[in-house]
Full PDB file with SEQRES, HELIX, SHEET, SSBOND, CRYST1, ORIGX, SCALE, CONECT and MASTER records, all heavy atoms in Angstrom:
SEQRES   1 A   36  SER ILE ALA ILE ILE MET ASP ALA VAL ASN ASN LEU SER          
SEQRES   2 A   36  ASP ALA LEU SER SER ILE ILE THR ILE ILE GLY THR LYS          
SEQRES   3 A   36  LEU ALA ALA LYS ALA PRO ASP LYS LYS HIS                      
HELIX    1 AA1 ILE A    2  ALA A   28  1                                  27    
CRYST1    1.000    1.000    1.000  90.00  90.00  90.00 P 1           1          
ORIGX1      1.000000  0.000000  0.000000        0.00000                         
ORIGX2      0.000000  1.000000  0.000000        0.00000                         
ORIGX3      0.000000  0.000000  1.000000        0.00000                         
SCALE1      1.000000  0.000000  0.000000        0.00000                         
SCALE2      0.000000  1.000000  0.000000        0.00000                         
SCALE3      0.000000  0.000000  1.000000        0.00000                         
ATOM      1  N   SER A   1     -74.633 -30.678  46.685  1.00  0.00           N  
ATOM      2  CA  SER A   1     -75.866 -29.989  47.095  1.00  0.00           C  
ATOM      3  C   SER A   1     -76.016 -30.040  48.620  1.00  0.00           C  
ATOM      4  O   SER A   1     -76.220 -31.104  49.203  1.00  0.00           O  
ATOM      5  CB  SER A   1     -77.092 -30.640  46.446  1.00  0.00           C  
ATOM      6  OG  SER A   1     -78.286 -30.125  47.002  1.00  0.00           O  
ATOM      7  N   ILE A   2     -75.925 -28.863  49.257  1.00  0.00           N  
ATOM      8  CA  ILE A   2     -76.091 -28.774  50.714  1.00  0.00           C  
ATOM      9  C   ILE A   2     -77.521 -29.152  51.110  1.00  0.00           C  
ATOM     10  O   ILE A   2     -77.749 -29.809  52.125  1.00  0.00           O  
ATOM     11  CB  ILE A   2     -75.777 -27.349  51.209  1.00  0.00           C  
ATOM     12  CG1 ILE A   2     -74.316 -26.998  50.917  1.00  0.00           C  
ATOM     13  CG2 ILE A   2     -76.066 -27.225  52.697  1.00  0.00           C  
ATOM     14  CD1 ILE A   2     -73.326 -27.874  51.660  1.00  0.00           C  
ATOM     15  N   ALA A   3     -78.492 -28.750  50.286  1.00  0.00           N  
ATOM     16  CA  ALA A   3     -79.904 -29.007  50.592  1.00  0.00           C  
ATOM     17  C   ALA A   3     -80.184 -30.506  50.691  1.00  0.00           C  
ATOM     18  O   ALA A   3     -80.869 -30.972  51.609  1.00  0.00           O  
ATOM     19  CB  ALA A   3     -80.799 -28.373  49.534  1.00  0.00           C  
ATOM     20  N   ILE A   4     -79.627 -31.270  49.737  1.00  0.00           N  
ATOM     21  CA  ILE A   4     -79.854 -32.716  49.739  1.00  0.00           C  
ATOM     22  C   ILE A   4     -79.140 -33.371  50.925  1.00  0.00           C  
ATOM     23  O   ILE A   4     -79.673 -34.284  51.567  1.00  0.00           O  
ATOM     24  CB  ILE A   4     -79.375 -33.338  48.412  1.00  0.00           C  
ATOM     25  CG1 ILE A   4     -80.227 -32.801  47.250  1.00  0.00           C  
ATOM     26  CG2 ILE A   4     -79.462 -34.854  48.462  1.00  0.00           C  
ATOM     27  CD1 ILE A   4     -79.780 -33.277  45.886  1.00  0.00           C  
ATOM     28  N   ILE A   5     -77.947 -32.883  51.250  1.00  0.00           N  
ATOM     29  CA  ILE A   5     -77.207 -33.410  52.402  1.00  0.00           C  
ATOM     30  C   ILE A   5     -77.984 -33.151  53.701  1.00  0.00           C  
ATOM     31  O   ILE A   5     -78.091 -34.022  54.570  1.00  0.00           O  
ATOM     32  CB  ILE A   5     -75.795 -32.798  52.486  1.00  0.00           C  
ATOM     33  CG1 ILE A   5     -74.946 -33.268  51.285  1.00  0.00           C  
ATOM     34  CG2 ILE A   5     -75.113 -33.175  53.810  1.00  0.00           C  
ATOM     35  CD1 ILE A   5     -73.598 -32.600  51.168  1.00  0.00           C  
ATOM     36  N   MET A   6     -78.545 -31.946  53.827  1.00  0.00           N  
ATOM     37  CA  MET A   6     -79.334 -31.608  55.022  1.00  0.00           C  
ATOM     38  C   MET A   6     -80.589 -32.475  55.117  1.00  0.00           C  
ATOM     39  O   MET A   6     -81.012 -32.861  56.201  1.00  0.00           O  
ATOM     40  CB  MET A   6     -79.712 -30.123  54.992  1.00  0.00           C  
ATOM     41  CG  MET A   6     -78.532 -29.178  55.189  1.00  0.00           C  
ATOM     42  SD  MET A   6     -77.635 -29.490  56.733  1.00  0.00           S  
ATOM     43  CE  MET A   6     -78.878 -29.072  57.928  1.00  0.00           C  
ATOM     44  N   ASP A   7     -81.165 -32.781  53.963  1.00  0.00           N  
ATOM     45  CA  ASP A   7     -82.342 -33.657  53.937  1.00  0.00           C  
ATOM     46  C   ASP A   7     -81.970 -35.065  54.401  1.00  0.00           C  
ATOM     47  O   ASP A   7     -82.760 -35.758  55.043  1.00  0.00           O  
ATOM     48  CB  ASP A   7     -82.926 -33.693  52.519  1.00  0.00           C  
ATOM     49  CG  ASP A   7     -84.387 -34.128  52.518  1.00  0.00           C  
ATOM     50  OD1 ASP A   7     -85.021 -34.066  53.596  1.00  0.00           O  
ATOM     51  OD2 ASP A   7     -84.889 -34.524  51.465  1.00  0.00           O  
ATOM     52  N   ALA A   8     -80.737 -35.481  54.072  1.00  0.00           N  
ATOM     53  CA  ALA A   8     -80.247 -36.789  54.524  1.00  0.00           C  
ATOM     54  C   ALA A   8     -80.123 -36.803  56.044  1.00  0.00           C  
ATOM     55  O   ALA A   8     -80.470 -37.791  56.700  1.00  0.00           O  
ATOM     56  CB  ALA A   8     -78.893 -37.088  53.883  1.00  0.00           C  
ATOM     57  N   VAL A   9     -79.636 -35.703  56.603  1.00  0.00           N  
ATOM     58  CA  VAL A   9     -79.521 -35.588  58.064  1.00  0.00           C  
ATOM     59  C   VAL A   9     -80.913 -35.664  58.701  1.00  0.00           C  
ATOM     60  O   VAL A   9     -81.096 -36.277  59.757  1.00  0.00           O  
ATOM     61  CB  VAL A   9     -78.819 -34.266  58.453  1.00  0.00           C  
ATOM     62  CG1 VAL A   9     -78.851 -34.082  59.971  1.00  0.00           C  
ATOM     63  CG2 VAL A   9     -77.383 -34.262  57.948  1.00  0.00           C  
ATOM     64  N   ASN A  10     -81.908 -35.068  58.041  1.00  0.00           N  
ATOM     65  CA  ASN A  10     -83.286 -35.090  58.542  1.00  0.00           C  
ATOM     66  C   ASN A  10     -83.813 -36.528  58.616  1.00  0.00           C  
ATOM     67  O   ASN A  10     -84.527 -36.889  59.548  1.00  0.00           O  
ATOM     68  CB  ASN A  10     -84.182 -34.245  57.636  1.00  0.00           C  
ATOM     69  CG  ASN A  10     -85.631 -34.268  58.084  1.00  0.00           C  
ATOM     70  OD1 ASN A  10     -85.949 -33.923  59.216  1.00  0.00           O  
ATOM     71  ND2 ASN A  10     -86.519 -34.684  57.192  1.00  0.00           N  
ATOM     72  N   ASN A  11     -83.441 -37.345  57.629  1.00  0.00           N  
ATOM     73  CA  ASN A  11     -83.859 -38.751  57.643  1.00  0.00           C  
ATOM     74  C   ASN A  11     -83.243 -39.509  58.809  1.00  0.00           C  
ATOM     75  O   ASN A  11     -83.874 -40.390  59.396  1.00  0.00           O  
ATOM     76  CB  ASN A  11     -83.488 -39.438  56.335  1.00  0.00           C  
ATOM     77  CG  ASN A  11     -84.480 -39.144  55.223  1.00  0.00           C  
ATOM     78  OD1 ASN A  11     -84.127 -38.617  54.172  1.00  0.00           O  
ATOM     79  ND2 ASN A  11     -85.752 -39.451  55.455  1.00  0.00           N  
ATOM     80  N   LEU A  12     -82.007 -39.149  59.161  1.00  0.00           N  
ATOM     81  CA  LEU A  12     -81.372 -39.790  60.320  1.00  0.00           C  
ATOM     82  C   LEU A  12     -82.101 -39.403  61.606  1.00  0.00           C  
ATOM     83  O   LEU A  12     -82.262 -40.223  62.512  1.00  0.00           O  
ATOM     84  CB  LEU A  12     -79.901 -39.375  60.408  1.00  0.00           C  
ATOM     85  CG  LEU A  12     -78.969 -39.976  59.354  1.00  0.00           C  
ATOM     86  CD1 LEU A  12     -77.561 -39.420  59.515  1.00  0.00           C  
ATOM     87  CD2 LEU A  12     -78.947 -41.503  59.454  1.00  0.00           C  
ATOM     88  N   SER A  13     -82.564 -38.159  61.675  1.00  0.00           N  
ATOM     89  CA  SER A  13     -83.319 -37.729  62.856  1.00  0.00           C  
ATOM     90  C   SER A  13     -84.670 -38.451  62.919  1.00  0.00           C  
ATOM     91  O   SER A  13     -85.195 -38.712  64.008  1.00  0.00           O  
ATOM     92  CB  SER A  13     -83.520 -36.213  62.852  1.00  0.00           C  
ATOM     93  OG  SER A  13     -84.396 -35.818  61.808  1.00  0.00           O  
ATOM     94  N   ASP A  14     -85.241 -38.788  61.744  1.00  0.00           N  
ATOM     95  CA  ASP A  14     -86.494 -39.541  61.718  1.00  0.00           C  
ATOM     96  C   ASP A  14     -86.310 -40.939  62.310  1.00  0.00           C  
ATOM     97  O   ASP A  14     -87.230 -41.495  62.930  1.00  0.00           O  
ATOM     98  CB  ASP A  14     -87.013 -39.671  60.277  1.00  0.00           C  
ATOM     99  CG  ASP A  14     -87.493 -38.334  59.730  1.00  0.00           C  
ATOM    100  OD1 ASP A  14     -87.729 -37.421  60.544  1.00  0.00           O  
ATOM    101  OD2 ASP A  14     -87.624 -38.217  58.504  1.00  0.00           O  
ATOM    102  N   ALA A  15     -85.123 -41.503  62.079  1.00  0.00           N  
ATOM    103  CA  ALA A  15     -84.839 -42.825  62.647  1.00  0.00           C  
ATOM    104  C   ALA A  15     -84.853 -42.786  64.173  1.00  0.00           C  
ATOM    105  O   ALA A  15     -85.109 -43.803  64.840  1.00  0.00           O  
ATOM    106  CB  ALA A  15     -83.481 -43.323  62.157  1.00  0.00           C  
ATOM    107  N   LEU A  16     -84.620 -41.583  64.718  1.00  0.00           N  
ATOM    108  CA  LEU A  16     -84.627 -41.413  66.166  1.00  0.00           C  
ATOM    109  C   LEU A  16     -86.003 -41.747  66.759  1.00  0.00           C  
ATOM    110  O   LEU A  16     -86.086 -42.316  67.854  1.00  0.00           O  
ATOM    111  CB  LEU A  16     -84.238 -39.972  66.517  1.00  0.00           C  
ATOM    112  CG  LEU A  16     -84.189 -39.625  68.009  1.00  0.00           C  
ATOM    113  CD1 LEU A  16     -83.133 -40.472  68.718  1.00  0.00           C  
ATOM    114  CD2 LEU A  16     -83.888 -38.133  68.186  1.00  0.00           C  
ATOM    115  N   SER A  17     -87.073 -41.416  66.028  1.00  0.00           N  
ATOM    116  CA  SER A  17     -88.425 -41.728  66.512  1.00  0.00           C  
ATOM    117  C   SER A  17     -88.594 -43.234  66.707  1.00  0.00           C  
ATOM    118  O   SER A  17     -89.176 -43.682  67.698  1.00  0.00           O  
ATOM    119  CB  SER A  17     -89.474 -41.227  65.506  1.00  0.00           C  
ATOM    120  OG  SER A  17     -89.467 -39.835  65.423  1.00  0.00           O  
ATOM    121  N   SER A  18     -88.068 -44.000  65.756  1.00  0.00           N  
ATOM    122  CA  SER A  18     -88.166 -45.461  65.860  1.00  0.00           C  
ATOM    123  C   SER A  18     -87.314 -46.003  67.004  1.00  0.00           C  
ATOM    124  O   SER A  18     -87.705 -46.951  67.698  1.00  0.00           O  
ATOM    125  CB  SER A  18     -87.736 -46.107  64.541  1.00  0.00           C  
ATOM    126  OG  SER A  18     -88.602 -45.728  63.490  1.00  0.00           O  
ATOM    127  N   ILE A  19     -86.152 -45.400  67.217  1.00  0.00           N  
ATOM    128  CA  ILE A  19     -85.287 -45.824  68.326  1.00  0.00           C  
ATOM    129  C   ILE A  19     -85.971 -45.550  69.659  1.00  0.00           C  
ATOM    130  O   ILE A  19     -85.954 -46.390  70.571  1.00  0.00           O  
ATOM    131  CB  ILE A  19     -83.922 -45.097  68.251  1.00  0.00           C  
ATOM    132  CG1 ILE A  19     -83.156 -45.541  67.000  1.00  0.00           C  
ATOM    133  CG2 ILE A  19     -83.096 -45.365  69.511  1.00  0.00           C  
ATOM    134  CD1 ILE A  19     -81.902 -44.744  66.726  1.00  0.00           C  
ATOM    135  N   ILE A  20     -86.596 -44.375  69.769  1.00  0.00           N  
ATOM    136  CA  ILE A  20     -87.322 -44.018  70.998  1.00  0.00           C  
ATOM    137  C   ILE A  20     -88.468 -44.999  71.236  1.00  0.00           C  
ATOM    138  O   ILE A  20     -88.719 -45.422  72.371  1.00  0.00           O  
ATOM    139  CB  ILE A  20     -87.858 -42.570  70.903  1.00  0.00           C  
ATOM    140  CG1 ILE A  20     -86.701 -41.580  70.938  1.00  0.00           C  
ATOM    141  CG2 ILE A  20     -88.840 -42.274  72.044  1.00  0.00           C  
ATOM    142  CD1 ILE A  20     -87.102 -40.160  70.607  1.00  0.00           C  
ATOM    143  N   THR A  21     -89.152 -45.389  70.166  1.00  0.00           N  
ATOM    144  CA  THR A  21     -90.258 -46.346  70.287  1.00  0.00           C  
ATOM    145  C   THR A  21     -89.762 -47.687  70.815  1.00  0.00           C  
ATOM    146  O   THR A  21     -90.395 -48.287  71.697  1.00  0.00           O  
ATOM    147  CB  THR A  21     -90.936 -46.551  68.918  1.00  0.00           C  
ATOM    148  OG1 THR A  21     -91.439 -45.296  68.444  1.00  0.00           O  
ATOM    149  CG2 THR A  21     -92.099 -47.537  69.031  1.00  0.00           C  
ATOM    150  N   ILE A  22     -88.631 -48.160  70.295  1.00  0.00           N  
ATOM    151  CA  ILE A  22     -88.065 -49.442  70.746  1.00  0.00           C  
ATOM    152  C   ILE A  22     -87.680 -49.365  72.222  1.00  0.00           C  
ATOM    153  O   ILE A  22     -88.020 -50.252  73.018  1.00  0.00           O  
ATOM    154  CB  ILE A  22     -86.840 -49.837  69.895  1.00  0.00           C  
ATOM    155  CG1 ILE A  22     -87.278 -50.172  68.471  1.00  0.00           C  
ATOM    156  CG2 ILE A  22     -86.111 -51.022  70.525  1.00  0.00           C  
ATOM    157  CD1 ILE A  22     -86.126 -50.428  67.517  1.00  0.00           C  
ATOM    158  N   ILE A  23     -86.987 -48.298  72.600  1.00  0.00           N  
ATOM    159  CA  ILE A  23     -86.556 -48.146  73.998  1.00  0.00           C  
ATOM    160  C   ILE A  23     -87.770 -48.088  74.925  1.00  0.00           C  
ATOM    161  O   ILE A  23     -87.819 -48.764  75.959  1.00  0.00           O  
ATOM    162  CB  ILE A  23     -85.692 -46.868  74.169  1.00  0.00           C  
ATOM    163  CG1 ILE A  23     -84.371 -47.019  73.401  1.00  0.00           C  
ATOM    164  CG2 ILE A  23     -85.425 -46.606  75.644  1.00  0.00           C  
ATOM    165  CD1 ILE A  23     -83.542 -45.759  73.344  1.00  0.00           C  
ATOM    166  N   GLY A  24     -88.769 -47.287  74.530  1.00  0.00           N  
ATOM    167  CA  GLY A  24     -89.977 -47.159  75.347  1.00  0.00           C  
ATOM    168  C   GLY A  24     -90.711 -48.477  75.501  1.00  0.00           C  
ATOM    169  O   GLY A  24     -91.176 -48.824  76.596  1.00  0.00           O  
ATOM    170  N   THR A  25     -90.810 -49.238  74.416  1.00  0.00           N  
ATOM    171  CA  THR A  25     -91.506 -50.530  74.448  1.00  0.00           C  
ATOM    172  C   THR A  25     -90.775 -51.527  75.333  1.00  0.00           C  
ATOM    173  O   THR A  25     -91.396 -52.268  76.106  1.00  0.00           O  
ATOM    174  CB  THR A  25     -91.636 -51.102  73.019  1.00  0.00           C  
ATOM    175  OG1 THR A  25     -92.343 -50.166  72.201  1.00  0.00           O  
ATOM    176  CG2 THR A  25     -92.395 -52.415  73.022  1.00  0.00           C  
ATOM    177  N   LYS A  26     -89.451 -51.562  75.221  1.00  0.00           N  
ATOM    178  CA  LYS A  26     -88.652 -52.489  76.032  1.00  0.00           C  
ATOM    179  C   LYS A  26     -88.770 -52.156  77.527  1.00  0.00           C  
ATOM    180  O   LYS A  26     -88.932 -53.052  78.367  1.00  0.00           O  
ATOM    181  CB  LYS A  26     -87.181 -52.429  75.597  1.00  0.00           C  
ATOM    182  CG  LYS A  26     -86.893 -53.095  74.262  1.00  0.00           C  
ATOM    183  CD  LYS A  26     -87.061 -54.605  74.356  1.00  0.00           C  
ATOM    184  CE  LYS A  26     -86.668 -55.309  73.071  1.00  0.00           C  
ATOM    185  NZ  LYS A  26     -86.882 -56.780  73.161  1.00  0.00           N  
ATOM    186  N   LEU A  27     -88.701 -50.867  77.851  1.00  0.00           N  
ATOM    187  CA  LEU A  27     -88.803 -50.460  79.254  1.00  0.00           C  
ATOM    188  C   LEU A  27     -90.207 -50.722  79.800  1.00  0.00           C  
ATOM    189  O   LEU A  27     -90.376 -51.147  80.948  1.00  0.00           O  
ATOM    190  CB  LEU A  27     -88.453 -48.972  79.398  1.00  0.00           C  
ATOM    191  CG  LEU A  27     -86.995 -48.580  79.157  1.00  0.00           C  
ATOM    192  CD1 LEU A  27     -86.830 -47.073  79.207  1.00  0.00           C  
ATOM    193  CD2 LEU A  27     -86.084 -49.246  80.185  1.00  0.00           C  
ATOM    194  N   ALA A  28     -91.221 -50.489  78.960  1.00  0.00           N  
ATOM    195  CA  ALA A  28     -92.611 -50.691  79.386  1.00  0.00           C  
ATOM    196  C   ALA A  28     -92.916 -52.168  79.639  1.00  0.00           C  
ATOM    197  O   ALA A  28     -93.809 -52.499  80.423  1.00  0.00           O  
ATOM    198  CB  ALA A  28     -93.568 -50.136  78.336  1.00  0.00           C  
ATOM    199  N   ALA A  29     -92.166 -53.050  78.966  1.00  0.00           N  
ATOM    200  CA  ALA A  29     -92.415 -54.490  79.094  1.00  0.00           C  
ATOM    201  C   ALA A  29     -91.732 -55.109  80.317  1.00  0.00           C  
ATOM    202  O   ALA A  29     -91.920 -56.294  80.601  1.00  0.00           O  
ATOM    203  CB  ALA A  29     -91.933 -55.213  77.834  1.00  0.00           C  
ATOM    204  N   LYS A  30     -90.986 -54.296  81.057  1.00  0.00           N  
ATOM    205  CA  LYS A  30     -90.318 -54.816  82.261  1.00  0.00           C  
ATOM    206  C   LYS A  30     -91.351 -55.343  83.251  1.00  0.00           C  
ATOM    207  O   LYS A  30     -92.428 -54.784  83.406  1.00  0.00           O  
ATOM    208  CB  LYS A  30     -89.492 -53.711  82.926  1.00  0.00           C  
ATOM    209  CG  LYS A  30     -88.192 -53.374  82.222  1.00  0.00           C  
ATOM    210  CD  LYS A  30     -87.495 -52.205  82.894  1.00  0.00           C  
ATOM    211  CE  LYS A  30     -87.139 -52.525  84.333  1.00  0.00           C  
ATOM    212  NZ  LYS A  30     -86.448 -51.376  84.985  1.00  0.00           N  
ATOM    213  N   ALA A  31     -91.005 -56.424  83.918  1.00  0.00           N  
ATOM    214  CA  ALA A  31     -91.917 -57.035  84.888  1.00  0.00           C  
ATOM    215  C   ALA A  31     -92.134 -56.112  86.083  1.00  0.00           C  
ATOM    216  O   ALA A  31     -91.264 -55.299  86.416  1.00  0.00           O  
ATOM    217  CB  ALA A  31     -91.350 -58.370  85.356  1.00  0.00           C  
ATOM    218  N   PRO A  32     -93.300 -56.206  86.719  1.00  0.00           N  
ATOM    219  CA  PRO A  32     -93.549 -55.406  87.922  1.00  0.00           C  
ATOM    220  C   PRO A  32     -92.497 -55.700  88.996  1.00  0.00           C  
ATOM    221  O   PRO A  32     -91.967 -56.805  89.071  1.00  0.00           O  
ATOM    222  CB  PRO A  32     -94.941 -55.866  88.376  1.00  0.00           C  
ATOM    223  CG  PRO A  32     -95.579 -56.423  87.141  1.00  0.00           C  
ATOM    224  CD  PRO A  32     -94.458 -57.038  86.358  1.00  0.00           C  
ATOM    225  N   ASP A  33     -92.201 -54.710  89.807  1.00  0.00           N  
ATOM    226  CA  ASP A  33     -91.273 -54.904  90.920  1.00  0.00           C  
ATOM    227  C   ASP A  33     -91.847 -54.246  92.164  1.00  0.00           C  
ATOM    228  O   ASP A  33     -92.953 -53.707  92.134  1.00  0.00           O  
ATOM    229  CB  ASP A  33     -89.878 -54.349  90.583  1.00  0.00           C  
ATOM    230  CG  ASP A  33     -89.936 -52.905  90.089  1.00  0.00           C  
ATOM    231  OD1 ASP A  33     -90.737 -52.116  90.640  1.00  0.00           O  
ATOM    232  OD2 ASP A  33     -89.189 -52.547  89.164  1.00  0.00           O  
ATOM    233  N   LYS A  34     -91.101 -54.290  93.252  1.00  0.00           N  
ATOM    234  CA  LYS A  34     -91.605 -53.758  94.520  1.00  0.00           C  
ATOM    235  C   LYS A  34     -91.913 -52.263  94.419  1.00  0.00           C  
ATOM    236  O   LYS A  34     -92.891 -51.772  94.992  1.00  0.00           O  
ATOM    237  CB  LYS A  34     -90.580 -54.005  95.624  1.00  0.00           C  
ATOM    238  CG  LYS A  34     -91.091 -53.653  97.016  1.00  0.00           C  
ATOM    239  CD  LYS A  34     -90.105 -54.079  98.086  1.00  0.00           C  
ATOM    240  CE  LYS A  34     -90.675 -53.762  99.481  1.00  0.00           C  
ATOM    241  NZ  LYS A  34     -89.753 -54.188 100.558  1.00  0.00           N  
ATOM    242  N   LYS A  35     -91.073 -51.542  93.696  1.00  0.00           N  
ATOM    243  CA  LYS A  35     -91.258 -50.094  93.566  1.00  0.00           C  
ATOM    244  C   LYS A  35     -92.386 -49.752  92.610  1.00  0.00           C  
ATOM    245  O   LYS A  35     -93.070 -48.738  92.752  1.00  0.00           O  
ATOM    246  CB  LYS A  35     -89.946 -49.461  93.083  1.00  0.00           C  
ATOM    247  CG  LYS A  35     -89.917 -47.951  93.240  1.00  0.00           C  
ATOM    248  CD  LYS A  35     -88.532 -47.412  92.920  1.00  0.00           C  
ATOM    249  CE  LYS A  35     -88.487 -45.896  93.108  1.00  0.00           C  
ATOM    250  NZ  LYS A  35     -87.144 -45.345  92.798  1.00  0.00           N  
ATOM    251  N   HIS A  36     -92.594 -50.599  91.588  1.00  0.00           N  
ATOM    252  CA  HIS A  36     -93.650 -50.374  90.594  1.00  0.00           C  
ATOM    253  C   HIS A  36     -94.494 -51.650  90.461  1.00  0.00           C  
ATOM    254  O   HIS A  36     -94.379 -52.378  89.470  1.00  0.00           O  
ATOM    255  CB  HIS A  36     -93.040 -49.997  89.234  1.00  0.00           C  
ATOM    256  CG  HIS A  36     -92.113 -48.818  89.312  1.00  0.00           C  
ATOM    257  ND1 HIS A  36     -90.755 -48.979  89.409  1.00  0.00           N  
ATOM    258  CD2 HIS A  36     -92.361 -47.485  89.329  1.00  0.00           C  
ATOM    259  CE1 HIS A  36     -90.192 -47.787  89.467  1.00  0.00           C  
ATOM    260  NE2 HIS A  36     -91.134 -46.858  89.436  1.00  0.00           N  
TER     261      HIS A  36                                                      
MASTER        0    0    0    1    0    0    0    6  260    1    0    3          
END                                                                             
């Protein structure tokens, strides 16, 4: 079933939202520096 396979790919793209959240949180937690 191509439809079910495509839906599986969609779930992998959903995981991208969580990856972006982790990256954003880690970068936001960086200590202040001279430039920021």
